[in-house]
């Protein structure tokens, strides 16, 4: 296939919740906002960065549910690193 692709697989209800979560978290959490900004600064298209952000958020939520740690955001660093919250 050539051109842009669509996100269509999986459970629609989960995908709908996940699609709004990064928007809210990016506005409210400086660490997560910096992660999204780094992806955009690296030249990633907005929708691709958004989907990658959704995957990162899903991974974080899975870790929190399975291990039950309290949320402890890291400090925002000026140097570009791999995005981990």
PDB file of N, CA and C in Angstrom:
ATOM      1  N   UNK A   1       0.840  -1.186   0.000  1.00  0.00           N
ATOM      2  CA  UNK A   1       0.000   0.000   0.000  1.00  0.00           C
ATOM      3  C   UNK A   1       0.882   1.245   0.000  1.00  0.00           C
ATOM      4  N   UNK A   2       0.478   2.227  -0.747  1.00  0.00           N
ATOM      5  CA  UNK A   2       1.190   3.498  -0.775  1.00  0.00           C
ATOM      6  C   UNK A   2       0.325   4.581  -0.166  1.00  0.00           C
ATOM      7  N   UNK A   3       0.969   5.604   0.328  1.00  0.00           N
ATOM      8  CA  UNK A   3       0.238   6.715   0.910  1.00  0.00           C
ATOM      9  C   UNK A   3       0.009   6.525   2.398  1.00  0.00           C
ATOM     10  N   UNK A   4      -0.861   7.332   2.939  1.00  0.00           N
ATOM     11  CA  UNK A   4      -1.138   7.287   4.372  1.00  0.00           C
ATOM     12  C   UNK A   4      -2.083   6.151   4.703  1.00  0.00           C
ATOM     13  N   UNK A   5      -1.918   5.635   5.894  1.00  0.00           N
ATOM     14  CA  UNK A   5      -2.758   4.524   6.333  1.00  0.00           C
ATOM     15  C   UNK A   5      -3.688   4.973   7.435  1.00  0.00           C
ATOM     16  N   UNK A   6      -4.688   4.182   7.694  1.00  0.00           N
ATOM     17  CA  UNK A   6      -5.662   4.507   8.733  1.00  0.00           C
ATOM     18  C   UNK A   6      -5.492   3.575   9.919  1.00  0.00           C
ATOM     19  N   UNK A   7      -5.871   4.091  11.084  1.00  0.00           N
ATOM     20  CA  UNK A   7      -5.899   3.275  12.282  1.00  0.00           C
ATOM     21  C   UNK A   7      -7.329   2.761  12.409  1.00  0.00           C
ATOM     22  N   UNK A   8      -7.512   1.459  12.340  1.00  0.00           N
ATOM     23  CA  UNK A   8      -8.877   0.937  12.365  1.00  0.00           C
ATOM     24  C   UNK A   8      -9.017  -0.315  13.207  1.00  0.00           C
ATOM     25  N   UNK A   9      -7.966  -0.994  13.563  1.00  0.00           N
ATOM     26  CA  UNK A   9      -8.066  -2.268  14.262  1.00  0.00           C
ATOM     27  C   UNK A   9      -8.291  -2.104  15.753  1.00  0.00           C
ATOM     28  N   UNK A  10      -8.553  -3.207  16.410  1.00  0.00           N
ATOM     29  CA  UNK A  10      -8.713  -3.200  17.859  1.00  0.00           C
ATOM     30  C   UNK A  10     -10.115  -2.858  18.299  1.00  0.00           C
ATOM     31  N   UNK A  11     -10.227  -2.602  19.587  1.00  0.00           N
ATOM     32  CA  UNK A  11     -11.538  -2.276  20.155  1.00  0.00           C
ATOM     33  C   UNK A  11     -11.810  -0.784  20.031  1.00  0.00           C
ATOM     34  N   UNK A  12     -12.927  -0.436  19.437  1.00  0.00           N
ATOM     35  CA  UNK A  12     -13.242   0.965  19.155  1.00  0.00           C
ATOM     36  C   UNK A  12     -13.388   1.791  20.427  1.00  0.00           C
ATOM     37  N   UNK A  13     -13.998   1.229  21.479  1.00  0.00           N
ATOM     38  CA  UNK A  13     -14.206   1.980  22.720  1.00  0.00           C
ATOM     39  C   UNK A  13     -12.863   2.315  23.386  1.00  0.00           C
ATOM     40  N   UNK A  14     -11.964   1.363  23.406  1.00  0.00           N
ATOM     41  CA  UNK A  14     -10.638   1.592  23.996  1.00  0.00           C
ATOM     42  C   UNK A  14      -9.877   2.614  23.171  1.00  0.00           C
ATOM     43  N   UNK A  15      -9.941   2.489  21.865  1.00  0.00           N
ATOM     44  CA  UNK A  15      -9.244   3.419  20.980  1.00  0.00           C
ATOM     45  C   UNK A  15      -9.792   4.838  21.140  1.00  0.00           C
ATOM     46  N   UNK A  16     -11.106   4.975  21.350  1.00  0.00           N
ATOM     47  CA  UNK A  16     -11.701   6.304  21.536  1.00  0.00           C
ATOM     48  C   UNK A  16     -11.194   6.959  22.819  1.00  0.00           C
ATOM     49  N   UNK A  17     -11.105   6.168  23.885  1.00  0.00           N
ATOM     50  CA  UNK A  17     -10.595   6.700  25.149  1.00  0.00           C
ATOM     51  C   UNK A  17      -9.116   7.045  25.013  1.00  0.00           C
ATOM     52  N   UNK A  18      -8.361   6.159  24.390  1.00  0.00           N
ATOM     53  CA  UNK A  18      -6.935   6.411  24.218  1.00  0.00           C
ATOM     54  C   UNK A  18      -6.661   7.615  23.324  1.00  0.00           C
ATOM     55  N   UNK A  19      -7.546   7.890  22.399  1.00  0.00           N
ATOM     56  CA  UNK A  19      -7.301   9.017  21.508  1.00  0.00           C
ATOM     57  C   UNK A  19      -7.484  10.355  22.210  1.00  0.00           C
ATOM     58  N   UNK A  20      -8.317  10.412  23.246  1.00  0.00           N
ATOM     59  CA  UNK A  20      -8.493  11.657  23.988  1.00  0.00           C
ATOM     60  C   UNK A  20      -7.500  11.793  25.136  1.00  0.00           C
ATOM     61  N   UNK A  21      -7.014  10.681  25.651  1.00  0.00           N
ATOM     62  CA  UNK A  21      -6.103  10.715  26.798  1.00  0.00           C
ATOM     63  C   UNK A  21      -4.811  11.482  26.515  1.00  0.00           C
ATOM     64  N   UNK A  22      -4.145  11.258  25.388  1.00  0.00           N
ATOM     65  CA  UNK A  22      -2.916  12.021  25.138  1.00  0.00           C
ATOM     66  C   UNK A  22      -3.162  13.516  25.013  1.00  0.00           C
ATOM     67  N   UNK A  23      -4.305  13.895  24.487  1.00  0.00           N
ATOM     68  CA  UNK A  23      -4.611  15.318  24.350  1.00  0.00           C
ATOM     69  C   UNK A  23      -4.668  15.965  25.726  1.00  0.00           C
ATOM     70  N   UNK A  24      -5.385  15.340  26.641  1.00  0.00           N
ATOM     71  CA  UNK A  24      -5.533  15.880  27.987  1.00  0.00           C
ATOM     72  C   UNK A  24      -4.206  15.807  28.744  1.00  0.00           C
ATOM     73  N   UNK A  25      -3.521  14.666  28.658  1.00  0.00           N
ATOM     74  CA  UNK A  25      -2.269  14.489  29.387  1.00  0.00           C
ATOM     75  C   UNK A  25      -1.179  15.430  28.872  1.00  0.00           C
ATOM     76  N   UNK A  26      -1.176  15.703  27.581  1.00  0.00           N
ATOM     77  CA  UNK A  26      -0.178  16.612  27.019  1.00  0.00           C
ATOM     78  C   UNK A  26      -0.377  18.023  27.555  1.00  0.00           C
ATOM     79  N   UNK A  27      -1.601  18.409  27.770  1.00  0.00           N
ATOM     80  CA  UNK A  27      -1.875  19.737  28.318  1.00  0.00           C
ATOM     81  C   UNK A  27      -1.572  19.812  29.807  1.00  0.00           C
ATOM     82  N   UNK A  28      -1.778  18.721  30.542  1.00  0.00           N
ATOM     83  CA  UNK A  28      -1.693  18.760  31.999  1.00  0.00           C
ATOM     84  C   UNK A  28      -0.337  18.349  32.565  1.00  0.00           C
ATOM     85  N   UNK A  29       0.424  17.521  31.849  1.00  0.00           N
ATOM     86  CA  UNK A  29       1.664  16.966  32.393  1.00  0.00           C
ATOM     87  C   UNK A  29       2.860  17.459  31.583  1.00  0.00           C
ATOM     88  N   UNK A  30       3.752  18.240  32.194  1.00  0.00           N
ATOM     89  CA  UNK A  30       4.895  18.779  31.453  1.00  0.00           C
ATOM     90  C   UNK A  30       5.825  17.705  30.894  1.00  0.00           C
ATOM     91  N   UNK A  31       6.007  16.598  31.607  1.00  0.00           N
ATOM     92  CA  UNK A  31       6.897  15.539  31.136  1.00  0.00           C
ATOM     93  C   UNK A  31       6.355  14.926  29.851  1.00  0.00           C
ATOM     94  N   UNK A  32       5.074  14.643  29.835  1.00  0.00           N
ATOM     95  CA  UNK A  32       4.462  14.034  28.662  1.00  0.00           C
ATOM     96  C   UNK A  32       4.371  15.023  27.508  1.00  0.00           C
ATOM     97  N   UNK A  33       4.179  16.295  27.830  1.00  0.00           N
ATOM     98  CA  UNK A  33       4.159  17.326  26.792  1.00  0.00           C
ATOM     99  C   UNK A  33       5.524  17.432  26.129  1.00  0.00           C
ATOM    100  N   UNK A  34       6.593  17.347  26.921  1.00  0.00           N
ATOM    101  CA  UNK A  34       7.951  17.412  26.380  1.00  0.00           C
ATOM    102  C   UNK A  34       8.238  16.207  25.483  1.00  0.00           C
ATOM    103  N   UNK A  35       7.726  15.044  25.864  1.00  0.00           N
ATOM    104  CA  UNK A  35       7.918  13.835  25.069  1.00  0.00           C
ATOM    105  C   UNK A  35       7.271  13.999  23.695  1.00  0.00           C
ATOM    106  N   UNK A  36       6.047  14.496  23.657  1.00  0.00           N
ATOM    107  CA  UNK A  36       5.335  14.712  22.403  1.00  0.00           C
ATOM    108  C   UNK A  36       6.049  15.777  21.568  1.00  0.00           C
ATOM    109  N   UNK A  37       6.515  16.825  22.220  1.00  0.00           N
ATOM    110  CA  UNK A  37       7.217  17.899  21.507  1.00  0.00           C
ATOM    111  C   UNK A  37       8.517  17.396  20.890  1.00  0.00           C
ATOM    112  N   UNK A  38       9.223  16.480  21.587  1.00  0.00           N
ATOM    113  CA  UNK A  38      10.453  15.917  21.036  1.00  0.00           C
ATOM    114  C   UNK A  38      10.169  15.108  19.783  1.00  0.00           C
ATOM    115  N   UNK A  39       9.076  14.373  19.787  1.00  0.00           N
ATOM    116  CA  UNK A  39       8.715  13.597  18.594  1.00  0.00           C
ATOM    117  C   UNK A  39       8.439  14.523  17.412  1.00  0.00           C
ATOM    118  N   UNK A  40       7.722  15.607  17.668  1.00  0.00           N
ATOM    119  CA  UNK A  40       7.420  16.557  16.594  1.00  0.00           C
ATOM    120  C   UNK A  40       8.689  17.257  16.114  1.00  0.00           C
ATOM    121  N   UNK A  41       9.577  17.601  17.048  1.00  0.00           N
ATOM    122  CA  UNK A  41      10.827  18.275  16.676  1.00  0.00           C
ATOM    123  C   UNK A  41      11.728  17.367  15.854  1.00  0.00           C
ATOM    124  N   UNK A  42      11.591  16.058  16.039  1.00  0.00           N
ATOM    125  CA  UNK A  42      12.408  15.109  15.279  1.00  0.00           C
ATOM    126  C   UNK A  42      11.906  14.942  13.850  1.00  0.00           C
ATOM    127  N   UNK A  43      10.783  15.594  13.527  1.00  0.00           N
ATOM    128  CA  UNK A  43      10.273  15.536  12.166  1.00  0.00           C
ATOM    129  C   UNK A  43       9.154  14.527  11.962  1.00  0.00           C
ATOM    130  N   UNK A  44       8.651  13.957  13.034  1.00  0.00           N
ATOM    131  CA  UNK A  44       7.555  12.998  12.917  1.00  0.00           C
ATOM    132  C   UNK A  44       6.265  13.744  12.608  1.00  0.00           C
ATOM    133  N   UNK A  45       5.467  13.196  11.710  1.00  0.00           N
ATOM    134  CA  UNK A  45       4.170  13.818  11.421  1.00  0.00           C
ATOM    135  C   UNK A  45       3.308  13.778  12.667  1.00  0.00           C
ATOM    136  N   UNK A  46       2.378  14.738  12.777  1.00  0.00           N
ATOM    137  CA  UNK A  46       1.568  14.868  13.991  1.00  0.00           C
ATOM    138  C   UNK A  46       0.756  13.619  14.291  1.00  0.00           C
ATOM    139  N   UNK A  47       0.122  13.035  13.295  1.00  0.00           N
ATOM    140  CA  UNK A  47      -0.710  11.866  13.557  1.00  0.00           C
ATOM    141  C   UNK A  47       0.145  10.664  13.948  1.00  0.00           C
ATOM    142  N   UNK A  48       1.300  10.505  13.334  1.00  0.00           N
ATOM    143  CA  UNK A  48       2.194   9.401  13.677  1.00  0.00           C
ATOM    144  C   UNK A  48       2.699   9.580  15.110  1.00  0.00           C
ATOM    145  N   UNK A  49       3.066  10.820  15.473  1.00  0.00           N
ATOM    146  CA  UNK A  49       3.502  11.099  16.841  1.00  0.00           C
ATOM    147  C   UNK A  49       2.368  10.857  17.826  1.00  0.00           C
ATOM    148  N   UNK A  50       1.164  11.186  17.428  1.00  0.00           N
ATOM    149  CA  UNK A  50      -0.013  10.997  18.277  1.00  0.00           C
ATOM    150  C   UNK A  50      -0.268   9.513  18.530  1.00  0.00           C
ATOM    151  N   UNK A  51      -0.185   8.701  17.495  1.00  0.00           N
ATOM    152  CA  UNK A  51      -0.395   7.259  17.644  1.00  0.00           C
ATOM    153  C   UNK A  51       0.726   6.657  18.493  1.00  0.00           C
ATOM    154  N   UNK A  52       1.959   7.098  18.292  1.00  0.00           N
ATOM    155  CA  UNK A  52       3.066   6.620  19.118  1.00  0.00           C
ATOM    156  C   UNK A  52       2.849   7.024  20.568  1.00  0.00           C
ATOM    157  N   UNK A  53       2.308   8.206  20.768  1.00  0.00           N
ATOM    158  CA  UNK A  53       1.998   8.697  22.109  1.00  0.00           C
ATOM    159  C   UNK A  53       0.931   7.828  22.750  1.00  0.00           C
ATOM    160  N   UNK A  54      -0.079   7.446  21.982  1.00  0.00           N
ATOM    161  CA  UNK A  54      -1.127   6.560  22.499  1.00  0.00           C
ATOM    162  C   UNK A  54      -0.523   5.233  22.942  1.00  0.00           C
ATOM    163  N   UNK A  55       0.409   4.705  22.154  1.00  0.00           N
ATOM    164  CA  UNK A  55       1.059   3.441  22.497  1.00  0.00           C
ATOM    165  C   UNK A  55       1.874   3.593  23.781  1.00  0.00           C
ATOM    166  N   UNK A  56       2.593   4.711  23.919  1.00  0.00           N
ATOM    167  CA  UNK A  56       3.365   4.972  25.133  1.00  0.00           C
ATOM    168  C   UNK A  56       2.447   5.054  26.344  1.00  0.00           C
ATOM    169  N   UNK A  57       1.341   5.748  26.205  1.00  0.00           N
ATOM    170  CA  UNK A  57       0.389   5.884  27.312  1.00  0.00           C
ATOM    171  C   UNK A  57      -0.208   4.533  27.686  1.00  0.00           C
ATOM    172  N   UNK A  58      -0.527   3.728  26.706  1.00  0.00           N
ATOM    173  CA  UNK A  58      -1.066   2.397  26.975  1.00  0.00           C
ATOM    174  C   UNK A  58      -0.044   1.536  27.710  1.00  0.00           C
ATOM    175  N   UNK A  59       1.219   1.632  27.329  1.00  0.00           N
ATOM    176  CA  UNK A  59       2.278   0.895  28.012  1.00  0.00           C
ATOM    177  C   UNK A  59       2.411   1.354  29.462  1.00  0.00           C
ATOM    178  N   UNK A  60       2.357   2.674  29.687  1.00  0.00           N
ATOM    179  CA  UNK A  60       2.424   3.199  31.047  1.00  0.00           C
ATOM    180  C   UNK A  60       1.255   2.710  31.897  1.00  0.00           C
ATOM    181  N   UNK A  61       0.062   2.739  31.335  1.00  0.00           N
ATOM    182  CA  UNK A  61      -1.115   2.295  32.085  1.00  0.00           C
ATOM    183  C   UNK A  61      -1.032   0.809  32.404  1.00  0.00           C
ATOM    184  N   UNK A  62      -0.540   0.016  31.469  1.00  0.00           N
ATOM    185  CA  UNK A  62      -0.404  -1.417  31.709  1.00  0.00           C
ATOM    186  C   UNK A  62       0.586  -1.682  32.838  1.00  0.00           C
ATOM    187  N   UNK A  63       1.696  -0.959  32.844  1.00  0.00           N
ATOM    188  CA  UNK A  63       2.690  -1.115  33.913  1.00  0.00           C
ATOM    189  C   UNK A  63       2.114  -0.700  35.258  1.00  0.00           C
ATOM    190  N   UNK A  64       1.321   0.365  35.270  1.00  0.00           N
ATOM    191  CA  UNK A  64       0.730   0.827  36.523  1.00  0.00           C
ATOM    192  C   UNK A  64      -0.295  -0.167  37.057  1.00  0.00           C
ATOM    193  N   UNK A  65      -1.057  -0.785  36.182  1.00  0.00           N
ATOM    194  CA  UNK A  65      -2.058  -1.752  36.614  1.00  0.00           C
ATOM    195  C   UNK A  65      -1.406  -3.042  37.098  1.00  0.00           C
ATOM    196  N   UNK A  66      -0.382  -3.493  36.382  1.00  0.00           N
ATOM    197  CA  UNK A  66       0.232  -4.767  36.740  1.00  0.00           C
ATOM    198  C   UNK A  66       1.129  -4.664  37.974  1.00  0.00           C
ATOM    199  N   UNK A  67       1.815  -3.541  38.154  1.00  0.00           N
ATOM    200  CA  UNK A  67       2.747  -3.401  39.274  1.00  0.00           C
ATOM    201  C   UNK A  67       2.209  -2.551  40.409  1.00  0.00           C
ATOM    202  N   UNK A  68       1.167  -1.770  40.155  1.00  0.00           N
ATOM    203  CA  UNK A  68       0.530  -0.878  41.122  1.00  0.00           C
ATOM    204  C   UNK A  68       1.467   0.155  41.771  1.00  0.00           C
ATOM    205  N   UNK A  69       2.385   0.764  41.012  1.00  0.00           N
ATOM    206  CA  UNK A  69       3.193   1.818  41.624  1.00  0.00           C
ATOM    207  C   UNK A  69       2.426   3.141  41.591  1.00  0.00           C
ATOM    208  N   UNK A  70       2.677   4.032  42.535  1.00  0.00           N
ATOM    209  CA  UNK A  70       2.058   5.360  42.446  1.00  0.00           C
ATOM    210  C   UNK A  70       2.698   6.152  41.311  1.00  0.00           C
ATOM    211  N   UNK A  71       1.974   7.076  40.725  1.00  0.00           N
ATOM    212  CA  UNK A  71       2.481   7.875  39.608  1.00  0.00           C
ATOM    213  C   UNK A  71       3.534   8.839  40.120  1.00  0.00           C
ATOM    214  N   UNK A  72       4.737   8.743  39.587  1.00  0.00           N
ATOM    215  CA  UNK A  72       5.847   9.618  39.930  1.00  0.00           C
ATOM    216  C   UNK A  72       6.468  10.145  38.635  1.00  0.00           C
ATOM    217  N   UNK A  73       6.045  11.312  38.159  1.00  0.00           N
ATOM    218  CA  UNK A  73       6.638  11.821  36.916  1.00  0.00           C
ATOM    219  C   UNK A  73       8.095  12.215  37.124  1.00  0.00           C
ATOM    220  N   UNK A  74       8.890  12.013  36.091  1.00  0.00           N
ATOM    221  CA  UNK A  74      10.298  12.394  36.132  1.00  0.00           C
ATOM    222  C   UNK A  74      10.444  13.862  35.804  1.00  0.00           C
ATOM    223  N   UNK A  75      11.628  14.382  36.070  1.00  0.00           N
ATOM    224  CA  UNK A  75      11.929  15.771  35.718  1.00  0.00           C
ATOM    225  C   UNK A  75      12.052  15.900  34.210  1.00  0.00           C
ATOM    226  N   UNK A  76      11.703  17.055  33.685  1.00  0.00           N
ATOM    227  CA  UNK A  76      11.832  17.316  32.256  1.00  0.00           C
ATOM    228  C   UNK A  76      13.288  17.675  31.982  1.00  0.00           C
ATOM    229  N   UNK A  77      13.915  16.922  31.093  1.00  0.00           N
ATOM    230  CA  UNK A  77      15.311  17.201  30.762  1.00  0.00           C
ATOM    231  C   UNK A  77      15.384  17.960  29.446  1.00  0.00           C
ATOM    232  N   UNK A  78      16.407  18.772  29.311  1.00  0.00           N
ATOM    233  CA  UNK A  78      16.575  19.568  28.095  1.00  0.00           C
ATOM    234  C   UNK A  78      17.133  18.736  26.953  1.00  0.00           C
ATOM    235  N   UNK A  79      17.902  17.701  27.276  1.00  0.00           N
ATOM    236  CA  UNK A  79      18.489  16.899  26.206  1.00  0.00           C
ATOM    237  C   UNK A  79      17.478  15.880  25.676  1.00  0.00           C
ATOM    238  N   UNK A  80      17.450  15.647  24.373  1.00  0.00           N
ATOM    239  CA  UNK A  80      16.499  14.692  23.823  1.00  0.00           C
ATOM    240  C   UNK A  80      16.888  13.264  24.181  1.00  0.00           C
ATOM    241  N   UNK A  81      15.976  12.546  24.789  1.00  0.00           N
ATOM    242  CA  UNK A  81      16.165  11.142  25.120  1.00  0.00           C
ATOM    243  C   UNK A  81      14.958  10.386  24.632  1.00  0.00           C
ATOM    244  N   UNK A  82      15.022   9.086  24.788  1.00  0.00           N
ATOM    245  CA  UNK A  82      13.842   8.294  24.466  1.00  0.00           C
ATOM    246  C   UNK A  82      12.762   8.651  25.478  1.00  0.00           C
ATOM    247  N   UNK A  83      11.548   8.804  25.004  1.00  0.00           N
ATOM    248  CA  UNK A  83      10.457   9.260  25.851  1.00  0.00           C
ATOM    249  C   UNK A  83       9.996   8.157  26.787  1.00  0.00           C
ATOM    250  N   UNK A  84      10.221   8.361  28.060  1.00  0.00           N
ATOM    251  CA  UNK A  84       9.711   7.482  29.106  1.00  0.00           C
ATOM    252  C   UNK A  84       9.187   8.367  30.203  1.00  0.00           C
ATOM    253  N   UNK A  85       7.997   8.148  30.643  1.00  0.00           N
ATOM    254  CA  UNK A  85       7.426   9.015  31.673  1.00  0.00           C
ATOM    255  C   UNK A  85       7.628   8.484  33.054  1.00  0.00           C
TER     256      UNK A  85
END
